């Protein structure tokens, strides 16, 4: 399902990671795909409240947890700058889909990074 939200289609997800050679693009691409899938899921399932949104974001966070080993295998890791960049993009997604009162920490509550 193509994403219809124009704010999302125009957004440069994980920009800071792409701009820093420490983060391998092929792994960052996988992270970007996680975020885009989250957007697709939000558009397909239209969460009616924060609890439903958090269920979707936690599933996406679990996918990011799985990428940690790939970052490490490529000589990188999800460290402070990456954590902040990922969290900001989760918050961006919540806002553009109308969940302006979402708690950033709750969006990524299941993170291991």
Protein backbone atom coordinates (compact mmCIF):
# COMPACT_ATOMS: atom_id res chain seq x y z
CA UNK A 1 0.00 0.00 0.00
CA UNK A 2 1.55 3.30 -1.01
CA UNK A 3 1.79 5.96 1.67
CA UNK A 4 -0.69 8.79 1.11
CA UNK A 5 0.45 11.25 3.80
CA UNK A 6 2.39 13.94 1.92
CA UNK A 7 4.37 14.93 5.01
CA UNK A 8 5.67 11.39 5.25
CA UNK A 9 6.50 11.05 1.57
CA UNK A 10 8.47 14.31 1.71
CA UNK A 11 10.31 13.49 4.95
CA UNK A 12 13.96 12.42 4.91
CA UNK A 13 13.89 9.61 7.47
CA UNK A 14 17.09 8.96 9.43
CA UNK A 15 18.81 11.83 7.64
CA UNK A 16 21.50 12.22 10.32
CA UNK A 17 22.45 8.56 10.05
CA UNK A 18 22.77 8.78 6.28
CA UNK A 19 24.96 11.88 6.65
CA UNK A 20 27.37 10.16 9.07
CA UNK A 21 29.74 7.57 7.57
CA UNK A 22 29.75 5.70 10.90
CA UNK A 23 26.34 4.29 10.00
CA UNK A 24 26.35 1.93 7.01
CA UNK A 25 23.74 2.96 4.46
CA UNK A 26 22.58 -0.61 3.81
CA UNK A 27 21.61 -1.02 7.47
CA UNK A 28 20.14 2.49 7.72
CA UNK A 29 18.06 1.59 4.64
CA UNK A 30 16.57 -1.28 6.65
CA UNK A 31 15.76 1.13 9.48
CA UNK A 32 14.10 3.51 7.06
CA UNK A 33 12.05 0.60 5.72
CA UNK A 34 10.86 -0.13 9.28
CA UNK A 35 9.65 3.45 9.64
CA UNK A 36 7.92 3.42 6.27
CA UNK A 37 6.20 0.12 7.15
CA UNK A 38 5.03 1.74 10.37
CA UNK A 39 3.47 4.55 8.32
CA UNK A 40 1.83 2.02 6.01
CA UNK A 41 0.45 0.15 9.03
CA UNK A 42 -0.90 3.35 10.55
CA UNK A 43 -2.64 4.22 7.30
CA UNK A 44 -3.99 0.69 6.85
CA UNK A 45 -5.12 0.10 10.44
CA UNK A 46 -5.98 3.72 11.42
CA UNK A 47 -5.34 3.47 15.16
CA UNK A 48 -8.25 5.03 17.05
CA UNK A 49 -6.32 5.94 20.18
CA UNK A 50 -2.86 6.13 21.69
CA UNK A 51 -2.96 2.53 22.89
CA UNK A 52 -3.49 1.32 19.33
CA UNK A 53 -0.74 3.62 18.05
CA UNK A 54 1.66 2.41 20.75
CA UNK A 55 0.99 -1.20 19.73
CA UNK A 56 2.11 -0.35 16.19
CA UNK A 57 5.14 1.68 17.26
CA UNK A 58 6.27 -0.98 19.71
CA UNK A 59 6.22 -3.57 16.94
CA UNK A 60 8.36 -1.26 14.80
CA UNK A 61 10.69 -0.68 17.75
CA UNK A 62 11.14 -4.45 18.04
CA UNK A 63 12.24 -4.46 14.41
CA UNK A 64 14.85 -1.81 15.24
CA UNK A 65 16.00 -3.99 18.13
CA UNK A 66 16.71 -6.68 15.57
CA UNK A 67 18.87 -4.31 13.54
CA UNK A 68 21.37 -3.78 16.38
CA UNK A 69 23.28 -6.94 15.41
CA UNK A 70 23.44 -5.78 11.80
CA UNK A 71 24.83 -2.41 12.85
CA UNK A 72 27.44 -4.18 14.98
CA UNK A 73 28.37 -6.58 12.19
CA UNK A 74 29.01 -3.55 9.99
CA UNK A 75 31.26 -1.92 12.62
CA UNK A 76 28.62 0.45 13.97
CA UNK A 77 25.97 0.53 16.68
CA UNK A 78 22.78 2.27 17.66
CA UNK A 79 24.37 4.77 20.03
CA UNK A 80 23.24 8.16 21.36
CA UNK A 81 23.02 10.06 18.09
CA UNK A 82 21.25 7.18 16.35
CA UNK A 83 18.85 6.68 19.27
CA UNK A 84 17.89 10.34 19.16
CA UNK A 85 17.45 10.32 15.39
CA UNK A 86 15.27 7.20 15.48
CA UNK A 87 13.17 8.54 18.36
CA UNK A 88 12.63 11.86 16.56
CA UNK A 89 11.35 10.04 13.51
CA UNK A 90 8.92 7.99 15.61
CA UNK A 91 7.70 11.27 17.16
CA UNK A 92 7.43 12.84 13.69
CA UNK A 93 5.27 9.92 12.54
CA UNK A 94 2.98 10.18 15.56
CA UNK A 95 2.51 13.92 15.00
CA UNK A 96 1.80 13.79 11.27
CA UNK A 97 -0.85 11.14 11.86
CA UNK A 98 -2.58 13.34 14.43
CA UNK A 99 -1.23 11.92 17.68
CA UNK A 100 0.29 15.14 18.97
CA UNK A 101 -0.16 14.05 22.57
CA UNK A 102 1.85 10.85 22.15
CA UNK A 103 4.69 10.33 24.61
CA UNK A 104 8.00 9.85 22.79
CA UNK A 105 9.26 7.33 25.36
CA UNK A 106 6.06 5.30 25.06
CA UNK A 107 6.40 5.23 21.29
CA UNK A 108 9.70 3.36 21.64
CA UNK A 109 9.11 1.76 25.04
CA UNK A 110 10.33 -1.67 23.93
CA UNK A 111 13.69 -0.41 22.68
CA UNK A 112 16.89 -2.20 23.63
CA UNK A 113 19.14 0.51 22.22
